[in-house]
Amino acid sequence: MIEKISMGLPTASVQGIAQTPTPTPNEVTESFASYLRDAINDVNGLQKTADKMNEGLATGQVQDFHQVAIASQKASIALEMTMQVRNKAVEAYQEIMRMQI
């Protein structure tokens, strides 16, 4: 006998998906804003660490030049990535603003 075709998901799991709360626009905005804030704070922390290590190298407190170079490069790469993300966000905003409704 041929059985009917089913979706393959039990009805209980589909109902559970339907009952999952959807975040409000404010929650999404706050989440995105906190993500950006945390990312910028991380980049700032890398910059401060690199500055302290460079200062320590100049004053003779830090002897390992390699660690200073690595910290400086990490800070530089993080800042460059942040600038590229900002540039892409500005480009996306400008593209949206050029759209005709």
PDB file of N, CA and C in Angstrom:
ATOM      1  N   MET A   1       0.833  -1.168   0.000  1.00  0.00           N
ATOM      2  CA  MET A   1       0.000   0.000   0.000  1.00  0.00           C
ATOM      3  C   MET A   1       0.883   1.238   0.000  1.00  0.00           C
ATOM      4  N   ILE A   2       0.498   2.250  -0.701  1.00  0.00           N
ATOM      5  CA  ILE A   2       1.253   3.497  -0.796  1.00  0.00           C
ATOM      6  C   ILE A   2       0.830   4.423   0.339  1.00  0.00           C
ATOM      7  N   GLU A   3       1.840   4.951   1.048  1.00  0.00           N
ATOM      8  CA  GLU A   3       1.542   5.871   2.142  1.00  0.00           C
ATOM      9  C   GLU A   3       1.550   7.304   1.625  1.00  0.00           C
ATOM     10  N   LYS A   4       0.868   8.165   2.351  1.00  0.00           N
ATOM     11  CA  LYS A   4       0.799   9.559   1.925  1.00  0.00           C
ATOM     12  C   LYS A   4       2.152  10.247   2.144  1.00  0.00           C
ATOM     13  N   ILE A   5       2.407  11.276   1.375  1.00  0.00           N
ATOM     14  CA  ILE A   5       3.639  12.049   1.491  1.00  0.00           C
ATOM     15  C   ILE A   5       3.482  13.021   2.653  1.00  0.00           C
ATOM     16  N   SER A   6       4.475  13.019   3.513  1.00  0.00           N
ATOM     17  CA  SER A   6       4.429  13.964   4.636  1.00  0.00           C
ATOM     18  C   SER A   6       5.622  14.902   4.542  1.00  0.00           C
ATOM     19  N   MET A   7       5.568  15.969   5.290  1.00  0.00           N
ATOM     20  CA  MET A   7       6.649  16.957   5.269  1.00  0.00           C
ATOM     21  C   MET A   7       7.899  16.431   5.957  1.00  0.00           C
ATOM     22  N   GLY A   8       7.788  15.415   6.754  1.00  0.00           N
ATOM     23  CA  GLY A   8       8.949  14.864   7.425  1.00  0.00           C
ATOM     24  C   GLY A   8       9.198  15.463   8.791  1.00  0.00           C
ATOM     25  N   LEU A   9       8.468  16.495   9.154  1.00  0.00           N
ATOM     26  CA  LEU A   9       8.607  17.109  10.472  1.00  0.00           C
ATOM     27  C   LEU A   9       7.383  16.786  11.307  1.00  0.00           C
ATOM     28  N   PRO A  10       7.587  16.386  12.522  1.00  0.00           N
ATOM     29  CA  PRO A  10       6.433  16.171  13.387  1.00  0.00           C
ATOM     30  C   PRO A  10       5.693  17.489  13.617  1.00  0.00           C
ATOM     31  N   THR A  11       4.403  17.398  13.767  1.00  0.00           N
ATOM     32  CA  THR A  11       3.573  18.586  13.951  1.00  0.00           C
ATOM     33  C   THR A  11       3.983  19.369  15.186  1.00  0.00           C
ATOM     34  N   ALA A  12       4.403  18.697  16.236  1.00  0.00           N
ATOM     35  CA  ALA A  12       4.789  19.379  17.475  1.00  0.00           C
ATOM     36  C   ALA A  12       5.986  20.297  17.242  1.00  0.00           C
ATOM     37  N   SER A  13       6.955  19.849  16.429  1.00  0.00           N
ATOM     38  CA  SER A  13       8.125  20.699  16.202  1.00  0.00           C
ATOM     39  C   SER A  13       7.778  21.904  15.343  1.00  0.00           C
ATOM     40  N   VAL A  14       6.863  21.750  14.401  1.00  0.00           N
ATOM     41  CA  VAL A  14       6.431  22.873  13.575  1.00  0.00           C
ATOM     42  C   VAL A  14       5.692  23.891  14.433  1.00  0.00           C
ATOM     43  N   GLN A  15       4.864  23.437  15.348  1.00  0.00           N
ATOM     44  CA  GLN A  15       4.155  24.359  16.226  1.00  0.00           C
ATOM     45  C   GLN A  15       5.129  25.078  17.148  1.00  0.00           C
ATOM     46  N   GLY A  16       6.180  24.396  17.585  1.00  0.00           N
ATOM     47  CA  GLY A  16       7.188  25.022  18.433  1.00  0.00           C
ATOM     48  C   GLY A  16       7.914  26.138  17.705  1.00  0.00           C
ATOM     49  N   ILE A  17       8.146  25.935  16.412  1.00  0.00           N
ATOM     50  CA  ILE A  17       8.802  26.965  15.608  1.00  0.00           C
ATOM     51  C   ILE A  17       7.891  28.174  15.476  1.00  0.00           C
ATOM     52  N   ALA A  18       6.619  27.940  15.266  1.00  0.00           N
ATOM     53  CA  ALA A  18       5.672  29.035  15.105  1.00  0.00           C
ATOM     54  C   ALA A  18       5.533  29.848  16.381  1.00  0.00           C
ATOM     55  N   GLN A  19       5.769  29.236  17.534  1.00  0.00           N
ATOM     56  CA  GLN A  19       5.604  29.935  18.798  1.00  0.00           C
ATOM     57  C   GLN A  19       6.879  30.632  19.257  1.00  0.00           C
ATOM     58  N   THR A  20       7.958  30.507  18.510  1.00  0.00           N
ATOM     59  CA  THR A  20       9.203  31.171  18.873  1.00  0.00           C
ATOM     60  C   THR A  20       9.001  32.678  18.780  1.00  0.00           C
ATOM     61  N   PRO A  21       9.316  33.411  19.856  1.00  0.00           N
ATOM     62  CA  PRO A  21       9.088  34.854  19.820  1.00  0.00           C
ATOM     63  C   PRO A  21      10.028  35.549  18.838  1.00  0.00           C
ATOM     64  N   THR A  22       9.483  36.484  18.104  1.00  0.00           N
ATOM     65  CA  THR A  22      10.258  37.266  17.156  1.00  0.00           C
ATOM     66  C   THR A  22      10.744  38.529  17.854  1.00  0.00           C
ATOM     67  N   PRO A  23      12.029  38.859  17.726  1.00  0.00           N
ATOM     68  CA  PRO A  23      12.513  40.065  18.390  1.00  0.00           C
ATOM     69  C   PRO A  23      11.895  41.320  17.777  1.00  0.00           C
ATOM     70  N   THR A  24      11.673  42.300  18.611  1.00  0.00           N
ATOM     71  CA  THR A  24      11.118  43.567  18.143  1.00  0.00           C
ATOM     72  C   THR A  24      12.224  44.368  17.457  1.00  0.00           C
ATOM     73  N   PRO A  25      11.848  45.343  16.635  1.00  0.00           N
ATOM     74  CA  PRO A  25      12.882  46.173  15.992  1.00  0.00           C
ATOM     75  C   PRO A  25      13.809  46.859  16.997  1.00  0.00           C
ATOM     76  N   ASN A  26      13.274  47.270  18.144  1.00  0.00           N
ATOM     77  CA  ASN A  26      14.119  47.894  19.168  1.00  0.00           C
ATOM     78  C   ASN A  26      15.157  46.916  19.694  1.00  0.00           C
ATOM     79  N   GLU A  27      14.749  45.661  19.913  1.00  0.00           N
ATOM     80  CA  GLU A  27      15.676  44.642  20.408  1.00  0.00           C
ATOM     81  C   GLU A  27      16.782  44.372  19.394  1.00  0.00           C
ATOM     82  N   VAL A  28      16.408  44.325  18.119  1.00  0.00           N
ATOM     83  CA  VAL A  28      17.396  44.085  17.067  1.00  0.00           C
ATOM     84  C   VAL A  28      18.368  45.257  16.990  1.00  0.00           C
ATOM     85  N   THR A  29      17.835  46.482  17.063  1.00  0.00           N
ATOM     86  CA  THR A  29      18.679  47.673  17.005  1.00  0.00           C
ATOM     87  C   THR A  29      19.640  47.721  18.183  1.00  0.00           C
ATOM     88  N   GLU A  30      19.128  47.432  19.383  1.00  0.00           N
ATOM     89  CA  GLU A  30      19.979  47.441  20.571  1.00  0.00           C
ATOM     90  C   GLU A  30      21.051  46.362  20.480  1.00  0.00           C
ATOM     91  N   SER A  31      20.672  45.194  19.965  1.00  0.00           N
ATOM     92  CA  SER A  31      21.630  44.102  19.832  1.00  0.00           C
ATOM     93  C   SER A  31      22.738  44.477  18.848  1.00  0.00           C
ATOM     94  N   PHE A  32      22.358  45.049  17.712  1.00  0.00           N
ATOM     95  CA  PHE A  32      23.336  45.446  16.706  1.00  0.00           C
ATOM     96  C   PHE A  32      24.220  46.569  17.234  1.00  0.00           C
ATOM     97  N   ALA A  33      23.612  47.522  17.923  1.00  0.00           N
ATOM     98  CA  ALA A  33      24.379  48.636  18.487  1.00  0.00           C
ATOM     99  C   ALA A  33      25.376  48.138  19.529  1.00  0.00           C
ATOM    100  N   SER A  34      24.957  47.205  20.364  1.00  0.00           N
ATOM    101  CA  SER A  34      25.883  46.682  21.376  1.00  0.00           C
ATOM    102  C   SER A  34      26.999  45.875  20.716  1.00  0.00           C
ATOM    103  N   TYR A  35      26.687  45.181  19.627  1.00  0.00           N
ATOM    104  CA  TYR A  35      27.715  44.437  18.892  1.00  0.00           C
ATOM    105  C   TYR A  35      28.758  45.399  18.320  1.00  0.00           C
ATOM    106  N   LEU A  36      28.294  46.486  17.710  1.00  0.00           N
ATOM    107  CA  LEU A  36      29.222  47.468  17.152  1.00  0.00           C
ATOM    108  C   LEU A  36      30.048  48.130  18.250  1.00  0.00           C
ATOM    109  N   ARG A  37      29.395  48.470  19.361  1.00  0.00           N
ATOM    110  CA  ARG A  37      30.089  49.100  20.481  1.00  0.00           C
ATOM    111  C   ARG A  37      31.189  48.178  21.010  1.00  0.00           C
ATOM    112  N   ASP A  38      30.867  46.909  21.176  1.00  0.00           N
ATOM    113  CA  ASP A  38      31.855  45.944  21.671  1.00  0.00           C
ATOM    114  C   ASP A  38      33.023  45.785  20.691  1.00  0.00           C
ATOM    115  N   ALA A  39      32.707  45.750  19.396  1.00  0.00           N
ATOM    116  CA  ALA A  39      33.760  45.597  18.388  1.00  0.00           C
ATOM    117  C   ALA A  39      34.690  46.809  18.390  1.00  0.00           C
ATOM    118  N   ILE A  40      34.125  47.999  18.485  1.00  0.00           N
ATOM    119  CA  ILE A  40      34.949  49.212  18.508  1.00  0.00           C
ATOM    120  C   ILE A  40      35.779  49.269  19.785  1.00  0.00           C
ATOM    121  N   ASN A  41      35.190  48.851  20.897  1.00  0.00           N
ATOM    122  CA  ASN A  41      35.949  48.814  22.154  1.00  0.00           C
ATOM    123  C   ASN A  41      37.106  47.819  22.076  1.00  0.00           C
ATOM    124  N   ASP A  42      36.898  46.693  21.396  1.00  0.00           N
ATOM    125  CA  ASP A  42      37.975  45.712  21.221  1.00  0.00           C
ATOM    126  C   ASP A  42      39.122  46.298  20.394  1.00  0.00           C
ATOM    127  N   VAL A  43      38.768  47.000  19.317  1.00  0.00           N
ATOM    128  CA  VAL A  43      39.793  47.634  18.482  1.00  0.00           C
ATOM    129  C   VAL A  43      40.537  48.692  19.295  1.00  0.00           C
ATOM    130  N   ASN A  44      39.790  49.457  20.076  1.00  0.00           N
ATOM    131  CA  ASN A  44      40.412  50.477  20.918  1.00  0.00           C
ATOM    132  C   ASN A  44      41.371  49.838  21.926  1.00  0.00           C
ATOM    133  N   GLY A  45      40.965  48.718  22.504  1.00  0.00           N
ATOM    134  CA  GLY A  45      41.831  48.010  23.446  1.00  0.00           C
ATOM    135  C   GLY A  45      43.119  47.535  22.792  1.00  0.00           C
ATOM    136  N   LEU A  46      43.011  47.030  21.567  1.00  0.00           N
ATOM    137  CA  LEU A  46      44.213  46.606  20.840  1.00  0.00           C
ATOM    138  C   LEU A  46      45.142  47.790  20.575  1.00  0.00           C
ATOM    139  N   GLN A  47      44.551  48.937  20.217  1.00  0.00           N
ATOM    140  CA  GLN A  47      45.353  50.135  19.971  1.00  0.00           C
ATOM    141  C   GLN A  47      46.076  50.582  21.242  1.00  0.00           C
ATOM    142  N   LYS A  48      45.357  50.569  22.361  1.00  0.00           N
ATOM    143  CA  LYS A  48      45.964  50.986  23.631  1.00  0.00           C
ATOM    144  C   LYS A  48      47.086  50.035  24.047  1.00  0.00           C
ATOM    145  N   THR A  49      46.861  48.739  23.859  1.00  0.00           N
ATOM    146  CA  THR A  49      47.894  47.755  24.193  1.00  0.00           C
ATOM    147  C   THR A  49      49.139  47.969  23.342  1.00  0.00           C
ATOM    148  N   ALA A  50      48.942  48.190  22.050  1.00  0.00           N
ATOM    149  CA  ALA A  50      50.081  48.424  21.156  1.00  0.00           C
ATOM    150  C   ALA A  50      50.817  49.701  21.552  1.00  0.00           C
ATOM    151  N   ASP A  51      50.078  50.745  21.904  1.00  0.00           N
ATOM    152  CA  ASP A  51      50.714  51.998  22.323  1.00  0.00           C
ATOM    153  C   ASP A  51      51.543  51.806  23.592  1.00  0.00           C
ATOM    154  N   LYS A  52      50.985  51.077  24.559  1.00  0.00           N
ATOM    155  CA  LYS A  52      51.719  50.826  25.806  1.00  0.00           C
ATOM    156  C   LYS A  52      52.985  50.013  25.540  1.00  0.00           C
ATOM    157  N   MET A  53      52.871  49.031  24.653  1.00  0.00           N
ATOM    158  CA  MET A  53      54.043  48.203  24.345  1.00  0.00           C
ATOM    159  C   MET A  53      55.103  49.018  23.605  1.00  0.00           C
ATOM    160  N   ASN A  54      54.668  49.890  22.693  1.00  0.00           N
ATOM    161  CA  ASN A  54      55.622  50.753  21.987  1.00  0.00           C
ATOM    162  C   ASN A  54      56.315  51.699  22.963  1.00  0.00           C
ATOM    163  N   GLU A  55      55.551  52.244  23.887  1.00  0.00           N
ATOM    164  CA  GLU A  55      56.121  53.128  24.902  1.00  0.00           C
ATOM    165  C   GLU A  55      57.107  52.355  25.785  1.00  0.00           C
ATOM    166  N   GLY A  56      56.723  51.146  26.155  1.00  0.00           N
ATOM    167  CA  GLY A  56      57.611  50.309  26.957  1.00  0.00           C
ATOM    168  C   GLY A  56      58.893  49.964  26.226  1.00  0.00           C
ATOM    169  N   LEU A  57      58.794  49.739  24.922  1.00  0.00           N
ATOM    170  CA  LEU A  57      59.989  49.452  24.123  1.00  0.00           C
ATOM    171  C   LEU A  57      60.895  50.677  24.067  1.00  0.00           C
ATOM    172  N   ALA A  58      60.299  51.854  23.915  1.00  0.00           N
ATOM    173  CA  ALA A  58      61.080  53.091  23.841  1.00  0.00           C
ATOM    174  C   ALA A  58      61.781  53.401  25.164  1.00  0.00           C
ATOM    175  N   THR A  59      61.139  53.057  26.280  1.00  0.00           N
ATOM    176  CA  THR A  59      61.731  53.342  27.593  1.00  0.00           C
ATOM    177  C   THR A  59      62.612  52.207  28.097  1.00  0.00           C
ATOM    178  N   GLY A  60      62.640  51.100  27.379  1.00  0.00           N
ATOM    179  CA  GLY A  60      63.484  49.982  27.774  1.00  0.00           C
ATOM    180  C   GLY A  60      62.821  49.000  28.720  1.00  0.00           C
ATOM    181  N   GLN A  61      61.540  49.186  29.009  1.00  0.00           N
ATOM    182  CA  GLN A  61      60.830  48.275  29.908  1.00  0.00           C
ATOM    183  C   GLN A  61      60.480  46.962  29.214  1.00  0.00           C
ATOM    184  N   VAL A  62      60.254  47.017  27.913  1.00  0.00           N
ATOM    185  CA  VAL A  62      59.922  45.820  27.135  1.00  0.00           C
ATOM    186  C   VAL A  62      61.147  45.460  26.299  1.00  0.00           C
ATOM    187  N   GLN A  63      61.592  44.223  26.411  1.00  0.00           N
ATOM    188  CA  GLN A  63      62.788  43.788  25.702  1.00  0.00           C
ATOM    189  C   GLN A  63      62.469  43.026  24.410  1.00  0.00           C
ATOM    190  N   ASP A  64      61.277  42.445  24.336  1.00  0.00           N
ATOM    191  CA  ASP A  64      60.932  41.588  23.200  1.00  0.00           C
ATOM    192  C   ASP A  64      60.299  42.415  22.083  1.00  0.00           C
ATOM    193  N   PHE A  65      61.105  42.763  21.102  1.00  0.00           N
ATOM    194  CA  PHE A  65      60.626  43.564  19.980  1.00  0.00           C
ATOM    195  C   PHE A  65      59.549  42.835  19.185  1.00  0.00           C
ATOM    196  N   HIS A  66      59.656  41.509  19.100  1.00  0.00           N
ATOM    197  CA  HIS A  66      58.702  40.735  18.312  1.00  0.00           C
ATOM    198  C   HIS A  66      57.282  40.875  18.856  1.00  0.00           C
ATOM    199  N   GLN A  67      57.142  40.842  20.168  1.00  0.00           N
ATOM    200  CA  GLN A  67      55.807  40.987  20.763  1.00  0.00           C
ATOM    201  C   GLN A  67      55.235  42.374  20.492  1.00  0.00           C
ATOM    202  N   VAL A  68      56.094  43.378  20.518  1.00  0.00           N
ATOM    203  CA  VAL A  68      55.658  44.748  20.222  1.00  0.00           C
ATOM    204  C   VAL A  68      55.206  44.839  18.766  1.00  0.00           C
ATOM    205  N   ALA A  69      55.973  44.244  17.864  1.00  0.00           N
ATOM    206  CA  ALA A  69      55.623  44.269  16.444  1.00  0.00           C
ATOM    207  C   ALA A  69      54.316  43.529  16.191  1.00  0.00           C
ATOM    208  N   ILE A  70      54.129  42.402  16.861  1.00  0.00           N
ATOM    209  CA  ILE A  70      52.894  41.631  16.696  1.00  0.00           C
ATOM    210  C   ILE A  70      51.700  42.419  17.213  1.00  0.00           C
ATOM    211  N   ALA A  71      51.834  43.040  18.378  1.00  0.00           N
ATOM    212  CA  ALA A  71      50.736  43.831  18.939  1.00  0.00           C
ATOM    213  C   ALA A  71      50.398  45.010  18.032  1.00  0.00           C
ATOM    214  N   SER A  72      51.418  45.659  17.489  1.00  0.00           N
ATOM    215  CA  SER A  72      51.190  46.790  16.583  1.00  0.00           C
ATOM    216  C   SER A  72      50.492  46.337  15.306  1.00  0.00           C
ATOM    217  N   GLN A  73      50.900  45.192  14.788  1.00  0.00           N
ATOM    218  CA  GLN A  73      50.284  44.683  13.562  1.00  0.00           C
ATOM    219  C   GLN A  73      48.837  44.268  13.805  1.00  0.00           C
ATOM    220  N   LYS A  74      48.561  43.636  14.946  1.00  0.00           N
ATOM    221  CA  LYS A  74      47.179  43.268  15.285  1.00  0.00           C
ATOM    222  C   LYS A  74      46.299  44.506  15.349  1.00  0.00           C
ATOM    223  N   ALA A  75      46.802  45.551  15.997  1.00  0.00           N
ATOM    224  CA  ALA A  75      46.037  46.791  16.117  1.00  0.00           C
ATOM    225  C   ALA A  75      45.812  47.417  14.746  1.00  0.00           C
ATOM    226  N   SER A  76      46.832  47.382  13.910  1.00  0.00           N
ATOM    227  CA  SER A  76      46.726  47.955  12.573  1.00  0.00           C
ATOM    228  C   SER A  76      45.703  47.206  11.722  1.00  0.00           C
ATOM    229  N   ILE A  77      45.747  45.889  11.768  1.00  0.00           N
ATOM    230  CA  ILE A  77      44.805  45.075  10.989  1.00  0.00           C
ATOM    231  C   ILE A  77      43.378  45.268  11.495  1.00  0.00           C
ATOM    232  N   ALA A  78      43.206  45.320  12.805  1.00  0.00           N
ATOM    233  CA  ALA A  78      41.868  45.518  13.372  1.00  0.00           C
ATOM    234  C   ALA A  78      41.307  46.874  12.971  1.00  0.00           C
ATOM    235  N   LEU A  79      42.143  47.907  12.997  1.00  0.00           N
ATOM    236  CA  LEU A  79      41.685  49.239  12.602  1.00  0.00           C
ATOM    237  C   LEU A  79      41.343  49.279  11.120  1.00  0.00           C
ATOM    238  N   GLU A  80      42.164  48.649  10.299  1.00  0.00           N
ATOM    239  CA  GLU A  80      41.900  48.606   8.857  1.00  0.00           C
ATOM    240  C   GLU A  80      40.583  47.882   8.569  1.00  0.00           C
ATOM    241  N   MET A  81      40.345  46.777   9.252  1.00  0.00           N
ATOM    242  CA  MET A  81      39.092  46.052   9.057  1.00  0.00           C
ATOM    243  C   MET A  81      37.898  46.907   9.487  1.00  0.00           C
ATOM    244  N   THR A  82      38.037  47.610  10.598  1.00  0.00           N
ATOM    245  CA  THR A  82      36.963  48.483  11.068  1.00  0.00           C
ATOM    246  C   THR A  82      36.663  49.564  10.035  1.00  0.00           C
ATOM    247  N   MET A  83      37.698  50.138   9.458  1.00  0.00           N
ATOM    248  CA  MET A  83      37.504  51.173   8.442  1.00  0.00           C
ATOM    249  C   MET A  83      36.822  50.600   7.197  1.00  0.00           C
ATOM    250  N   GLN A  84      37.181  49.383   6.800  1.00  0.00           N
ATOM    251  CA  GLN A  84      36.554  48.775   5.628  1.00  0.00           C
ATOM    252  C   GLN A  84      35.080  48.464   5.877  1.00  0.00           C
ATOM    253  N   VAL A  85      34.766  47.994   7.085  1.00  0.00           N
ATOM    254  CA  VAL A  85      33.362  47.735   7.428  1.00  0.00           C
ATOM    255  C   VAL A  85      32.579  49.040   7.394  1.00  0.00           C
ATOM    256  N   ARG A  86      33.176  50.103   7.945  1.00  0.00           N
ATOM    257  CA  ARG A  86      32.518  51.412   7.927  1.00  0.00           C
ATOM    258  C   ARG A  86      32.296  51.871   6.491  1.00  0.00           C
ATOM    259  N   ASN A  87      33.309  51.727   5.633  1.00  0.00           N
ATOM    260  CA  ASN A  87      33.180  52.137   4.235  1.00  0.00           C
ATOM    261  C   ASN A  87      32.063  51.371   3.534  1.00  0.00           C
ATOM    262  N   LYS A  88      31.983  50.069   3.783  1.00  0.00           N
ATOM    263  CA  LYS A  88      30.924  49.265   3.163  1.00  0.00           C
ATOM    264  C   LYS A  88      29.547  49.683   3.670  1.00  0.00           C
ATOM    265  N   ALA A  89      29.444  50.002   4.956  1.00  0.00           N
ATOM    266  CA  ALA A  89      28.165  50.444   5.514  1.00  0.00           C
ATOM    267  C   ALA A  89      27.752  51.779   4.899  1.00  0.00           C
ATOM    268  N   VAL A  90      28.696  52.686   4.721  1.00  0.00           N
ATOM    269  CA  VAL A  90      28.396  53.982   4.101  1.00  0.00           C
ATOM    270  C   VAL A  90      27.982  53.779   2.649  1.00  0.00           C
ATOM    271  N   GLU A  91      28.682  52.911   1.929  1.00  0.00           N
ATOM    272  CA  GLU A  91      28.315  52.626   0.539  1.00  0.00           C
ATOM    273  C   GLU A  91      26.911  52.037   0.451  1.00  0.00           C
ATOM    274  N   ALA A  92      26.580  51.122   1.351  1.00  0.00           N
ATOM    275  CA  ALA A  92      25.243  50.521   1.350  1.00  0.00           C
ATOM    276  C   ALA A  92      24.187  51.573   1.636  1.00  0.00           C
ATOM    277  N   TYR A  93      24.451  52.453   2.589  1.00  0.00           N
ATOM    278  CA  TYR A  93      23.507  53.529   2.912  1.00  0.00           C
ATOM    279  C   TYR A  93      23.317  54.442   1.702  1.00  0.00           C
ATOM    280  N   GLN A  94      24.407  54.817   1.048  1.00  0.00           N
ATOM    281  CA  GLN A  94      24.307  55.693  -0.119  1.00  0.00           C
ATOM    282  C   GLN A  94      23.535  55.018  -1.248  1.00  0.00           C
ATOM    283  N   GLU A  95      23.748  53.727  -1.426  1.00  0.00           N
ATOM    284  CA  GLU A  95      23.015  52.988  -2.459  1.00  0.00           C
ATOM    285  C   GLU A  95      21.523  52.971  -2.153  1.00  0.00           C
ATOM    286  N   ILE A  96      21.177  52.753  -0.904  1.00  0.00           N
ATOM    287  CA  ILE A  96      19.761  52.752  -0.509  1.00  0.00           C
ATOM    288  C   ILE A  96      19.151  54.130  -0.734  1.00  0.00           C
ATOM    289  N   MET A  97      19.891  55.174  -0.414  1.00  0.00           N
ATOM    290  CA  MET A  97      19.366  56.530  -0.574  1.00  0.00           C
ATOM    291  C   MET A  97      19.200  56.901  -2.044  1.00  0.00           C
ATOM    292  N   ARG A  98      19.958  56.279  -2.943  1.00  0.00           N
ATOM    293  CA  ARG A  98      19.818  56.545  -4.378  1.00  0.00           C
ATOM    294  C   ARG A  98      18.624  55.821  -4.991  1.00  0.00           C
ATOM    295  N   MET A  99      18.086  54.832  -4.292  1.00  0.00           N
ATOM    296  CA  MET A  99      16.965  54.066  -4.840  1.00  0.00           C
ATOM    297  C   MET A  99      15.726  54.943  -4.959  1.00  0.00           C
ATOM    298  N   GLN A 100      15.028  54.756  -6.055  1.00  0.00           N
ATOM    299  CA  GLN A 100      13.784  55.489  -6.253  1.00  0.00           C
ATOM    300  C   GLN A 100      12.625  54.644  -5.776  1.00  0.00           C
ATOM    301  N   ILE A 101      11.702  55.305  -5.132  1.00  0.00           N
ATOM    302  CA  ILE A 101      10.530  54.580  -4.608  1.00  0.00           C
ATOM    303  C   ILE A 101       9.383  54.690  -5.573  1.00  0.00           C
TER     304      ILE A 101
END
